[in-house]
Amino acid sequence: MKGILSEAIDDLSDVLWERAAARKSFHEFHDLLVNAIPSSILLVDRNLQVLFANRNFLEKTFHGKDNIVGKRLSQVFPKVILEELGLEASIRSVFDNGGSTQGQKLTYRAPGVPLRTYYYRMIPVIWTANVDAVLLLMEDVSEQVQLSKEVHCAERHLASVVDSASDIVLSTDNEGRILTWNPAAERISGYRVDDVRGRSLFEYLAKEHREDAKAFLSILKFQGGSRTADWVLLTADEGSVFISWVFSTMKDEASQTTGLVAVGRDQTERRKSEVQRLQREKLTALGVMAGGIAHELRNPLAVCSSAAQFLMNDQIKPEFRRECAEMIQKGITRASAIIENVLTFARPSDDAEFAPLDILGVLDEMSRLVAYEAKIRKIEMVTDLPNERLLVNGNRGLLQQVFINLFLNAIKAMSMGGKLRASAECSGGELLIRVADTGCGIPQEALAKVFDPFYTMLPMGTDTGLGLSVCYSIVKEHMGTIEVESTAGVGTILMVRLPLVADEAPI
């Protein structure tokens, strides 16, 4: 009997041991699980004593377990926090009502550590029929709050940049409906942001540009990147403004196009300024040409004067009288041609018409006009032109300006005298014109800049720096090219290539 009892006691002991081991294992797992939670957890009883604190809370507060567990809430949190947030009253309310609280913000600084921001809530824990404890769950959001502040600051800075920009900055959705419209857009267009938001951008473009704009934005939406365009923007006072636009696509996290961003610059004043600069450049050239013009006019006028003196003599023979009249007629014709060339050069060319013209005749005329200037500067001027009529499709006044600028630049480069040579030759359906000088030359590092607006190697105030940039634009407008070769101290060659056209009728 004793043996049976002994065995039963041993079996019971084994069962109890297994249950104890299982219970221990469960508690260990429970502690491991709670301590692994990245939030801070406090378990508080009705006496506002801490029953449990997980590892996250202990690490955040730099306290040991013995300094927290078993302590009253007033010994864990500073008095000012308890009073301002009403933690104790909230916990008692949970005990009384049995309901969880909504998330609230808690700012807490433990001794010797930086300020931390938490969102906390209280959850009732019910083992029996009543609330036995309250779980204080605190989520550390300090990094998120700081990041939010930085994002807000960046957004505010970006908004300030856009609002302060002197250029139009706007955004649209994929259909071209306006989403944002900065103060510069309001000032330039006269439309307030509330007037345009949600409306199509195309409504505010000139009619002749709307279809192009729709096709342009459709291509941009699918190809991405950025593109430029020049479109006229209609204004609230029924006027219009010429705008240079730069459009870029907006992308979402999946790299899908969600809309467009446009930056537009008012080019009205710039275009007026360019016209004025062009006219100033012409007048500058005309001033230099004045000496050459006077020289060119002096010869036919001298002939006319001599012939007129002979005509005043009643004793001359009829044949000689006729010869004198013809000389006067030729002189007047020559002088009129010179004056007409100068007027054509000086006349604005905004609406320049293009027609077949004798390009070598234009080149010869301009070389004659600067010949006197070259002579007084001790420059030998040589022209080597084919003895034939070669036609290009162009505008006489604009091409005159090109060659005058090239000749005057060459003359300026030879302050101590030298040789200026103009030549032309045909090759593959185009005419190559060279203007070469033996002047100071251009350094290699400056060659890439000679066609840039306002770039000049002459002292400030002696040159506008627009001559070659104007030449470049005019030659390009004539479907040609202009290039430069130069060696410092040796000289410079400007090469103009223009496409030839068939000589169908005399000009």
Protein backbone atom coordinates (compact mmCIF):
# COMPACT_ATOMS: atom_id res chain seq x y z
CA MET A 1 0.00 0.00 0.00
CA LYS A 2 2.80 2.32 0.87
CA GLY A 3 4.38 1.64 -2.47
CA ILE A 4 1.20 2.61 -4.32
CA LEU A 5 0.86 5.84 -2.28
CA SER A 6 4.46 6.65 -2.84
CA GLU A 7 4.03 6.21 -6.56
CA ALA A 8 0.90 8.40 -6.55
CA ILE A 9 2.75 11.13 -4.64
CA ASP A 10 5.62 10.92 -7.11
CA ASP A 11 3.22 11.17 -10.09
CA LEU A 12 1.46 14.17 -8.51
CA SER A 13 4.79 15.77 -7.85
CA ASP A 14 5.78 15.31 -11.48
CA VAL A 15 2.52 16.85 -12.69
CA LEU A 16 2.89 19.83 -10.35
CA TRP A 17 6.49 20.24 -11.46
CA GLU A 18 5.48 20.17 -15.12
CA ARG A 19 2.72 22.70 -14.48
CA ALA A 20 5.12 24.95 -12.60
CA ALA A 21 7.62 24.66 -15.40
CA ALA A 22 4.90 25.46 -17.94
CA ARG A 23 3.76 28.42 -15.83
CA LYS A 24 7.33 29.68 -15.62
CA SER A 25 7.74 29.23 -19.33
CA PHE A 26 4.52 31.19 -19.93
CA HIS A 27 5.64 34.05 -17.70
CA GLU A 28 9.00 34.17 -19.44
CA PHE A 29 7.26 34.28 -22.82
CA HIS A 30 4.87 36.97 -21.54
CA ASP A 31 7.77 39.11 -20.28
CA LEU A 32 9.68 38.59 -23.51
CA LEU A 33 6.65 39.60 -25.58
CA VAL A 34 5.81 42.71 -23.55
CA ASN A 35 9.42 43.84 -23.44
CA ALA A 36 9.70 43.45 -27.21
CA ILE A 37 6.91 45.98 -27.79
CA PRO A 38 8.47 49.29 -29.06
CA SER A 39 5.93 51.31 -27.05
CA SER A 40 6.20 52.20 -23.37
CA ILE A 41 3.78 50.33 -21.07
CA LEU A 42 2.80 51.00 -17.46
CA LEU A 43 0.25 48.93 -15.53
CA VAL A 44 -1.34 50.96 -12.68
CA ASP A 45 -3.71 49.78 -9.92
CA ARG A 46 -6.53 51.71 -8.19
CA ASN A 47 -4.08 53.16 -5.71
CA LEU A 48 -2.15 54.66 -8.63
CA GLN A 49 0.75 52.32 -7.94
CA VAL A 50 2.79 50.95 -10.83
CA LEU A 51 2.35 47.17 -11.08
CA PHE A 52 4.45 46.68 -14.16
CA ALA A 53 6.75 48.65 -16.50
CA ASN A 54 8.14 47.19 -19.68
CA ARG A 55 11.72 47.48 -20.86
CA ASN A 56 10.98 50.30 -23.33
CA PHE A 57 9.67 52.58 -20.57
CA LEU A 58 12.63 51.80 -18.31
CA GLU A 59 15.10 52.54 -21.10
CA LYS A 60 13.37 55.78 -22.13
CA THR A 61 13.34 57.10 -18.56
CA PHE A 62 16.79 55.76 -17.64
CA HIS A 63 15.34 54.09 -14.51
CA GLY A 64 15.72 50.63 -13.10
CA LYS A 65 12.74 48.36 -12.47
CA ASP A 66 13.01 48.82 -8.68
CA ASN A 67 12.68 52.59 -9.08
CA ILE A 68 9.39 52.26 -10.99
CA VAL A 69 7.49 49.11 -10.02
CA GLY A 70 5.68 49.53 -6.70
CA LYS A 71 6.00 53.30 -6.78
CA ARG A 72 3.09 55.69 -6.94
CA LEU A 73 2.49 57.57 -10.17
CA SER A 74 3.49 60.82 -8.45
CA GLN A 75 6.91 59.29 -7.78
CA VAL A 76 7.36 58.32 -11.45
CA PHE A 77 6.20 61.46 -13.27
CA PRO A 78 7.04 65.06 -12.37
CA LYS A 79 4.30 66.88 -10.54
CA VAL A 80 3.93 69.48 -13.31
CA ILE A 81 3.07 66.75 -15.85
CA LEU A 82 0.55 65.12 -13.56
CA GLU A 83 -1.15 68.45 -12.94
CA GLU A 84 -1.10 69.81 -16.51
CA LEU A 85 -2.20 66.59 -18.17
CA GLY A 86 -4.44 65.37 -15.36
CA LEU A 87 -3.06 61.82 -15.60
CA GLU A 88 -4.27 60.74 -12.20
CA ALA A 89 -7.81 62.01 -12.80
CA SER A 90 -7.88 60.29 -16.21
CA ILE A 91 -6.78 56.97 -14.73
CA ARG A 92 -9.45 57.18 -12.01
CA SER A 93 -12.00 57.94 -14.71
CA VAL A 94 -11.04 54.75 -16.55
CA PHE A 95 -11.45 52.75 -13.34
CA ASP A 96 -14.89 54.27 -12.80
CA ASN A 97 -16.20 54.18 -16.36
CA GLY A 98 -14.41 51.12 -17.69
CA GLY A 99 -13.74 52.78 -21.08
CA SER A 100 -10.54 53.56 -22.94
CA THR A 101 -9.41 57.15 -23.50
CA GLN A 102 -8.60 58.78 -26.83
CA GLY A 103 -4.98 59.39 -27.79
CA GLN A 104 -3.45 62.52 -26.26
CA LYS A 105 -0.08 64.25 -26.45
CA LEU A 106 2.45 64.06 -23.62
CA THR A 107 5.73 65.95 -23.58
CA TYR A 108 8.16 64.50 -21.05
CA ARG A 109 11.77 65.17 -20.16
CA ALA A 110 13.47 62.75 -17.80
CA PRO A 111 16.44 64.13 -15.85
CA GLY A 112 19.52 64.38 -18.06
CA VAL A 113 17.80 63.36 -21.32
CA PRO A 114 16.39 65.37 -24.25
CA LEU A 115 12.74 66.33 -24.46
CA ARG A 116 10.55 63.48 -25.69
CA THR A 117 7.05 63.62 -27.18
CA TYR A 118 4.55 60.78 -26.66
CA TYR A 119 1.02 60.00 -27.73
CA TYR A 120 -0.66 58.07 -24.92
CA ARG A 121 -3.94 56.38 -24.16
CA MET A 122 -5.36 54.46 -21.22
CA ILE A 123 -6.91 51.00 -21.54
CA PRO A 124 -8.85 49.19 -18.78
CA VAL A 125 -7.62 45.72 -17.76
CA ILE A 126 -10.41 43.49 -16.45
CA TRP A 127 -9.70 40.17 -14.73
CA THR A 128 -12.86 40.09 -12.63
CA ALA A 129 -16.16 41.88 -13.11
CA ASN A 130 -14.58 45.24 -12.39
CA VAL A 131 -11.60 47.10 -13.76
CA ASP A 132 -8.62 45.68 -11.90
CA ALA A 133 -5.89 47.84 -13.49
CA VAL A 134 -5.29 50.47 -16.13
CA LEU A 135 -2.76 50.05 -18.90
CA LEU A 136 -0.96 53.32 -19.81
CA LEU A 137 0.29 52.87 -23.38
CA MET A 138 2.74 55.54 -24.59
CA GLU A 139 4.11 55.83 -28.15
CA ASP A 140 7.33 57.83 -28.57
CA VAL A 141 6.79 60.11 -31.58
CA SER A 142 9.67 62.51 -30.95
CA GLU A 143 11.38 61.71 -34.26
CA GLN A 144 8.11 61.94 -36.19
CA VAL A 145 7.32 65.31 -34.58
CA GLN A 146 10.79 66.63 -35.41
CA LEU A 147 10.51 65.31 -38.96
CA SER A 148 7.09 66.89 -39.29
CA LYS A 149 8.55 70.22 -38.16
CA GLU A 150 11.36 69.92 -40.71
CA VAL A 151 8.93 68.99 -43.47
CA HIS A 152 6.68 71.90 -42.52
CA CYS A 153 9.68 74.22 -42.51
CA ALA A 154 10.78 72.95 -45.93
CA GLU A 155 7.25 73.35 -47.29
CA ARG A 156 7.06 76.87 -45.91
CA HIS A 157 10.46 77.70 -47.43
CA LEU A 158 9.46 76.25 -50.81
CA ALA A 159 6.18 78.17 -50.74
CA SER A 160 8.10 81.34 -49.90
CA VAL A 161 10.48 80.78 -52.83
CA VAL A 162 7.57 80.25 -55.25
CA ASP A 163 5.65 83.25 -53.88
CA SER A 164 8.75 85.47 -54.05
CA ALA A 165 9.67 84.49 -57.61
CA SER A 166 9.39 87.23 -60.22
CA ASP A 167 8.50 84.63 -62.85
CA ILE A 168 5.17 82.85 -63.27
CA VAL A 169 5.13 79.52 -61.42
CA LEU A 170 2.06 77.33 -61.81
CA SER A 171 1.08 73.69 -61.74
CA THR A 172 -1.64 71.73 -63.52
CA ASP A 173 -3.08 68.24 -63.44
CA ASN A 174 -2.68 65.87 -66.38
CA GLU A 175 -5.60 67.50 -68.17
CA GLY A 176 -4.06 70.96 -67.97
CA ARG A 177 -6.37 72.24 -65.22
CA ILE A 178 -4.63 74.82 -63.04
CA LEU A 179 -3.84 73.74 -59.46
CA THR A 180 -1.53 76.50 -58.21
CA TRP A 181 -0.89 80.06 -59.41
CA ASN A 182 1.78 82.18 -57.71
CA PRO A 183 1.64 85.96 -57.01
CA ALA A 184 3.81 86.72 -60.05
CA ALA A 185 1.23 84.98 -62.24
CA GLU A 186 -1.46 87.14 -60.64
CA ARG A 187 0.54 90.31 -61.22
CA ILE A 188 1.44 89.55 -64.86
CA SER A 189 -1.94 88.17 -65.94
CA GLY A 190 -4.25 90.19 -63.72
CA TYR A 191 -6.14 87.01 -62.75
CA ARG A 192 -6.40 86.01 -59.08
CA VAL A 193 -5.68 82.44 -58.04
CA ASP A 194 -9.35 81.89 -57.18
CA ASP A 195 -10.28 82.97 -60.71
CA VAL A 196 -8.13 80.36 -62.44
CA ARG A 197 -8.01 77.38 -60.06
CA GLY A 198 -9.62 74.35 -61.69
CA ARG A 199 -9.81 76.02 -65.11
CA SER A 200 -7.85 74.90 -68.15
CA LEU A 201 -4.53 76.64 -68.78
CA PHE A 202 -5.36 76.64 -72.50
CA GLU A 203 -8.15 79.15 -71.89
CA TYR A 204 -5.54 81.75 -70.95
CA LEU A 205 -3.36 81.24 -74.03
CA ALA A 206 -3.80 83.09 -77.34
CA LYS A 207 -6.06 81.19 -79.76
CA GLU A 208 -3.28 80.58 -82.26
CA HIS A 209 -1.24 78.76 -79.59
CA ARG A 210 -3.91 76.58 -77.98
CA GLU A 211 -3.77 73.58 -80.30
CA ASP A 212 0.03 73.60 -80.26
CA ALA A 213 -0.05 73.79 -76.47
CA LYS A 214 -2.41 70.80 -76.18
CA ALA A 215 -0.21 68.68 -78.44
CA PHE A 216 2.92 69.90 -76.65
CA LEU A 217 1.64 69.00 -73.17
CA SER A 218 0.30 65.65 -74.37
CA ILE A 219 3.75 64.68 -75.66
CA LEU A 220 5.42 65.97 -72.48
CA LYS A 221 3.03 63.96 -70.28
CA PHE A 222 4.09 60.67 -71.92
CA GLN A 223 7.77 61.43 -72.61
CA GLY A 224 8.54 63.15 -69.30
CA GLY A 225 11.48 65.46 -68.71
CA SER A 226 11.17 69.17 -69.48
CA ARG A 227 10.41 71.20 -72.60
CA THR A 228 10.35 74.87 -73.55
CA ALA A 229 7.84 76.89 -75.55
CA ASP A 230 6.98 80.50 -76.38
CA TRP A 231 3.25 81.24 -76.04
CA VAL A 232 1.22 84.40 -75.58
CA LEU A 233 -0.68 84.67 -72.27
CA LEU A 234 -3.98 86.55 -72.27
CA THR A 235 -4.48 89.07 -69.47
CA ALA A 236 -7.51 90.17 -67.51
CA ASP A 237 -7.51 93.62 -69.16
CA GLU A 238 -7.96 91.94 -72.58
CA GLY A 239 -4.30 92.42 -73.39
CA SER A 240 -1.58 89.83 -73.97
CA VAL A 241 1.95 89.09 -72.78
CA PHE A 242 4.63 87.13 -74.63
CA ILE A 243 5.89 84.42 -72.26
CA SER A 244 8.78 81.97 -72.53
CA TRP A 245 7.71 78.76 -70.76
CA VAL A 246 9.60 75.83 -69.26
CA PHE A 247 7.37 72.82 -68.55
CA SER A 248 8.32 69.81 -66.39
CA THR A 249 6.38 66.74 -65.28
CA MET A 250 5.44 65.97 -61.67
CA LYS A 251 5.81 62.33 -60.56
CA ASP A 252 4.34 60.33 -57.69
CA GLU A 253 6.01 57.58 -55.65
CA ALA A 254 5.34 55.10 -58.48
CA SER A 255 7.01 57.44 -61.02
CA GLN A 256 3.64 58.07 -62.65
CA THR A 257 3.01 61.53 -64.10
CA THR A 258 0.49 63.35 -61.90
CA GLY A 259 0.68 66.80 -63.44
CA LEU A 260 2.87 69.53 -64.86
CA VAL A 261 4.86 72.44 -63.43
CA ALA A 262 5.41 75.52 -65.58
CA VAL A 263 7.74 78.48 -65.12
CA GLY A 264 7.01 81.43 -67.40
CA ARG A 265 9.08 84.58 -67.95
CA ASP A 266 7.62 87.79 -69.35
CA GLN A 267 9.65 88.56 -72.48
CA THR A 268 7.89 91.81 -73.43
CA GLU A 269 10.61 94.13 -72.12
CA ARG A 270 13.39 91.86 -73.34
CA ARG A 271 12.01 91.85 -76.87
CA LYS A 272 11.69 95.64 -76.83
CA SER A 273 15.22 95.87 -75.48
CA GLU A 274 16.54 93.56 -78.21
CA VAL A 275 14.95 95.71 -80.90
CA GLN A 276 16.47 98.81 -79.32
CA ARG A 277 19.88 97.17 -79.07
CA LEU A 278 19.66 96.12 -82.69
CA GLN A 279 18.91 99.68 -83.71
CA ARG A 280 21.75 101.01 -81.53
CA GLU A 281 24.10 98.52 -83.16
CA LYS A 282 23.00 99.75 -86.56
CA LEU A 283 23.46 103.38 -85.59
CA THR A 284 26.93 102.61 -84.21
CA ALA A 285 27.84 101.02 -87.53
CA LEU A 286 26.33 103.94 -89.41
CA GLY A 287 28.49 106.36 -87.42
CA VAL A 288 31.63 104.53 -88.47
CA MET A 289 30.33 104.30 -92.03
CA ALA A 290 29.72 108.05 -92.23
CA GLY A 291 33.27 108.70 -93.39
CA GLY A 292 33.00 106.01 -96.04
CA ILE A 293 29.63 107.31 -97.18
CA ALA A 294 30.99 110.83 -97.49
CA HIS A 295 33.92 109.53 -99.52
CA GLU A 296 31.62 107.51 -101.77
CA LEU A 297 29.33 110.49 -102.34
CA ARG A 298 32.16 112.95 -102.88
CA ASN A 299 33.31 111.27 -106.11
CA PRO A 300 29.99 111.35 -108.03
CA LEU A 301 29.20 114.81 -106.65
CA ALA A 302 32.60 116.09 -107.82
CA VAL A 303 31.89 114.70 -111.29
CA CYS A 304 28.42 116.28 -111.27
CA SER A 305 29.86 119.62 -110.15
CA SER A 306 32.50 119.62 -112.92
CA ALA A 307 29.96 118.65 -115.57
CA ALA A 308 27.55 121.34 -114.37
CA GLN A 309 30.28 123.98 -114.67
CA PHE A 310 30.91 122.93 -118.25
CA LEU A 311 27.20 123.11 -119.00
CA MET A 312 27.12 126.75 -117.89
CA ASN A 313 29.45 127.56 -120.77
CA ASP A 314 27.34 128.39 -123.82
CA GLN A 315 30.28 127.80 -126.18
CA ILE A 316 30.60 124.00 -125.66
CA LYS A 317 29.66 121.68 -128.47
CA PRO A 318 26.34 119.75 -128.38
CA GLU A 319 28.14 116.42 -128.16
CA PHE A 320 30.14 117.53 -125.13
CA ARG A 321 27.00 119.06 -123.59
CA ARG A 322 25.25 115.67 -123.93
CA GLU A 323 28.28 113.91 -122.45
CA CYS A 324 28.22 116.26 -119.44
CA ALA A 325 24.49 115.64 -118.93
CA GLU A 326 25.09 111.87 -119.01
CA MET A 327 27.90 112.23 -116.45
CA ILE A 328 25.57 114.20 -114.17
CA GLN A 329 22.85 111.56 -114.58
CA LYS A 330 25.27 108.75 -113.75
CA GLY A 331 26.63 110.64 -110.75
CA ILE A 332 23.14 111.28 -109.40
CA THR A 333 22.20 107.63 -109.95
CA ARG A 334 25.34 106.50 -108.13
CA ALA A 335 24.72 108.87 -105.21
CA SER A 336 21.07 107.80 -104.99
CA ALA A 337 22.11 104.14 -104.88
CA ILE A 338 24.52 104.84 -102.00
CA ILE A 339 21.85 106.74 -100.07
CA GLU A 340 19.28 104.00 -100.67
CA ASN A 341 21.68 101.35 -99.38
CA VAL A 342 22.26 103.35 -96.21
CA LEU A 343 18.53 103.88 -95.68
CA THR A 344 17.85 100.19 -96.20
CA PHE A 345 20.48 99.34 -93.63
CA ALA A 346 19.13 101.85 -91.09
CA ARG A 347 15.46 100.93 -91.57
CA PRO A 348 14.00 98.56 -88.90
CA SER A 349 13.70 94.99 -90.15
CA ASP A 350 11.16 93.42 -87.75
CA ASP A 351 8.94 92.46 -90.68
CA ALA A 352 11.82 91.67 -92.99
CA GLU A 353 10.81 90.13 -96.30
CA PHE A 354 13.02 87.54 -97.91
CA ALA A 355 13.59 87.42 -101.68
CA PRO A 356 16.33 86.23 -104.05
CA LEU A 357 19.13 88.81 -104.13
CA ASP A 358 22.66 89.14 -105.45
CA ILE A 359 24.73 88.42 -102.36
CA LEU A 360 28.05 89.39 -103.97
CA GLY A 361 26.56 92.77 -104.89
CA VAL A 362 25.64 93.31 -101.22
CA LEU A 363 29.12 92.27 -100.12
CA ASP A 364 30.74 94.62 -102.64
CA GLU A 365 28.53 97.54 -101.57
CA MET A 366 29.44 97.10 -97.89
CA SER A 367 33.14 96.77 -98.65
CA ARG A 368 33.01 100.09 -100.52
CA LEU A 369 31.30 101.79 -97.58
CA VAL A 370 34.06 100.81 -95.14
CA ALA A 371 36.92 101.31 -97.61
CA TYR A 372 37.49 104.90 -96.51
CA GLU A 373 37.58 103.89 -92.83
CA ALA A 374 40.11 101.19 -93.67
CA LYS A 375 42.22 103.65 -95.66
CA ILE A 376 42.56 106.20 -92.87
CA ARG A 377 43.58 103.39 -90.50
CA LYS A 378 46.28 102.26 -92.95
CA ILE A 379 44.54 98.96 -93.68
CA GLU A 380 44.88 97.40 -97.12
CA MET A 381 41.48 96.15 -98.22
CA VAL A 382 41.27 93.42 -100.86
CA THR A 383 38.13 91.83 -102.33
CA ASP A 384 38.36 88.56 -104.24
CA LEU A 385 34.84 87.87 -105.50
CA PRO A 386 33.65 85.67 -108.42
CA ASN A 387 32.72 87.59 -111.55
CA GLU A 388 29.18 86.25 -111.63
CA ARG A 389 25.80 86.84 -110.04
CA LEU A 390 25.06 84.47 -107.14
CA LEU A 391 21.64 84.51 -105.49
CA VAL A 392 20.57 83.71 -101.94
CA ASN A 393 17.09 83.98 -100.47
CA GLY A 394 17.43 86.76 -97.94
CA ASN A 395 16.79 90.28 -96.73
CA ARG A 396 19.14 92.92 -98.09
CA GLY A 397 19.13 95.13 -94.98
CA LEU A 398 19.89 92.23 -92.62
CA LEU A 399 22.70 90.86 -94.80
CA GLN A 400 24.18 94.35 -95.12
CA GLN A 401 24.32 94.47 -91.34
CA VAL A 402 26.14 91.12 -91.19
CA PHE A 403 28.93 92.19 -93.55
CA ILE A 404 29.25 95.70 -92.10
CA ASN A 405 29.74 94.15 -88.64
CA LEU A 406 32.30 91.65 -89.92
CA PHE A 407 34.25 94.38 -91.74
CA LEU A 408 34.15 96.79 -88.79
CA ASN A 409 35.23 94.05 -86.33
CA ALA A 410 38.18 93.27 -88.61
CA ILE A 411 39.12 96.96 -88.82
CA LYS A 412 38.94 97.36 -85.02
CA ALA A 413 41.26 94.35 -84.62
CA MET A 414 44.00 96.08 -86.70
CA SER A 415 44.73 99.21 -84.69
CA MET A 416 48.27 99.37 -86.14
CA GLY A 417 47.22 98.72 -89.74
CA GLY A 418 47.16 95.46 -91.65
CA LYS A 419 45.31 93.67 -94.41
CA LEU A 420 41.59 92.91 -94.70
CA ARG A 421 40.58 90.38 -97.34
CA ALA A 422 37.04 89.43 -98.38
CA SER A 423 36.63 86.40 -100.62
CA ALA A 424 33.86 84.08 -101.79
CA GLU A 425 33.63 80.67 -103.44
CA CYS A 426 30.85 78.22 -104.34
CA SER A 427 30.79 74.67 -103.01
CA GLY A 428 27.99 72.10 -103.05
CA GLY A 429 25.07 74.46 -103.54
CA GLU A 430 26.23 77.00 -100.97
CA LEU A 431 28.37 80.11 -100.94
CA LEU A 432 31.32 80.38 -98.57
CA ILE A 433 32.31 83.96 -97.73
CA ARG A 434 35.51 84.62 -95.80
CA VAL A 435 36.41 87.87 -94.07
CA ALA A 436 40.04 87.64 -92.93
CA ASP A 437 42.20 90.13 -91.07
CA THR A 438 45.79 90.27 -89.83
CA GLY A 439 44.87 91.75 -86.50
CA CYS A 440 45.45 90.78 -82.87
CA GLY A 441 43.51 87.53 -83.12
CA ILE A 442 41.35 85.84 -80.48
CA PRO A 443 42.71 83.63 -77.66
CA GLN A 444 41.65 79.99 -77.90
CA GLU A 445 39.80 80.11 -74.57
CA ALA A 446 37.62 82.96 -75.89
CA LEU A 447 36.67 81.44 -79.26
CA ALA A 448 33.62 79.65 -77.83
CA LYS A 449 32.21 82.94 -76.51
CA VAL A 450 32.57 85.29 -79.49
CA PHE A 451 28.94 84.78 -80.59
CA ASP A 452 27.53 85.27 -77.07
CA PRO A 453 25.51 88.49 -76.53
CA PHE A 454 27.46 91.31 -74.82
CA TYR A 455 30.78 89.44 -75.05
CA THR A 456 33.58 91.72 -76.22
CA MET A 457 37.35 91.82 -75.84
CA LEU A 458 37.41 95.62 -76.22
CA PRO A 459 37.47 97.99 -73.21
CA MET A 460 34.18 98.58 -71.40
CA GLY A 461 32.10 101.27 -73.09
CA THR A 462 33.87 101.09 -76.47
CA ASP A 463 31.78 98.24 -77.87
CA THR A 464 28.31 96.81 -77.20
CA GLY A 465 29.36 93.19 -77.55
CA LEU A 466 26.33 92.55 -79.75
CA GLY A 467 27.88 92.67 -83.25
CA LEU A 468 28.75 89.01 -83.73
CA SER A 469 25.74 87.75 -81.77
CA VAL A 470 23.51 89.77 -84.13
CA CYS A 471 25.40 88.35 -87.11
CA TYR A 472 24.92 84.84 -85.77
CA SER A 473 21.16 85.33 -85.40
CA ILE A 474 20.78 86.87 -88.88
CA VAL A 475 22.83 84.17 -90.62
CA LYS A 476 20.89 81.46 -88.81
CA GLU A 477 17.64 83.15 -89.89
CA HIS A 478 18.94 82.85 -93.48
CA MET A 479 19.43 79.08 -92.99
CA GLY A 480 23.20 79.54 -92.97
CA THR A 481 26.10 79.12 -90.56
CA ILE A 482 28.88 81.36 -89.29
CA GLU A 483 32.18 80.11 -87.86
CA VAL A 484 35.40 81.62 -86.63
CA GLU A 485 39.06 80.60 -86.85
CA SER A 486 41.71 82.63 -85.10
CA THR A 487 45.26 82.60 -83.85
CA ALA A 488 46.32 85.14 -81.25
CA GLY A 489 48.79 87.62 -82.75
CA VAL A 490 48.23 86.32 -86.30
CA GLY A 491 44.67 87.14 -87.31
CA THR A 492 41.07 86.00 -87.56
CA ILE A 493 38.86 84.50 -90.27
CA LEU A 494 35.06 84.72 -90.11
CA MET A 495 33.36 82.23 -92.44
CA VAL A 496 29.72 82.66 -93.51
CA ARG A 497 27.95 79.87 -95.42
CA LEU A 498 24.65 80.63 -97.16
CA PRO A 499 22.55 78.33 -99.36
CA LEU A 500 22.30 79.43 -103.00
CA VAL A 501 19.10 79.61 -105.04
CA ALA A 502 18.60 79.29 -108.79
CA ASP A 503 18.93 82.44 -110.87
CA GLU A 504 15.53 82.47 -112.55
CA ALA A 505 15.04 86.18 -113.30
CA PRO A 506 17.11 89.35 -113.12
CA ILE A 507 16.81 91.46 -109.99
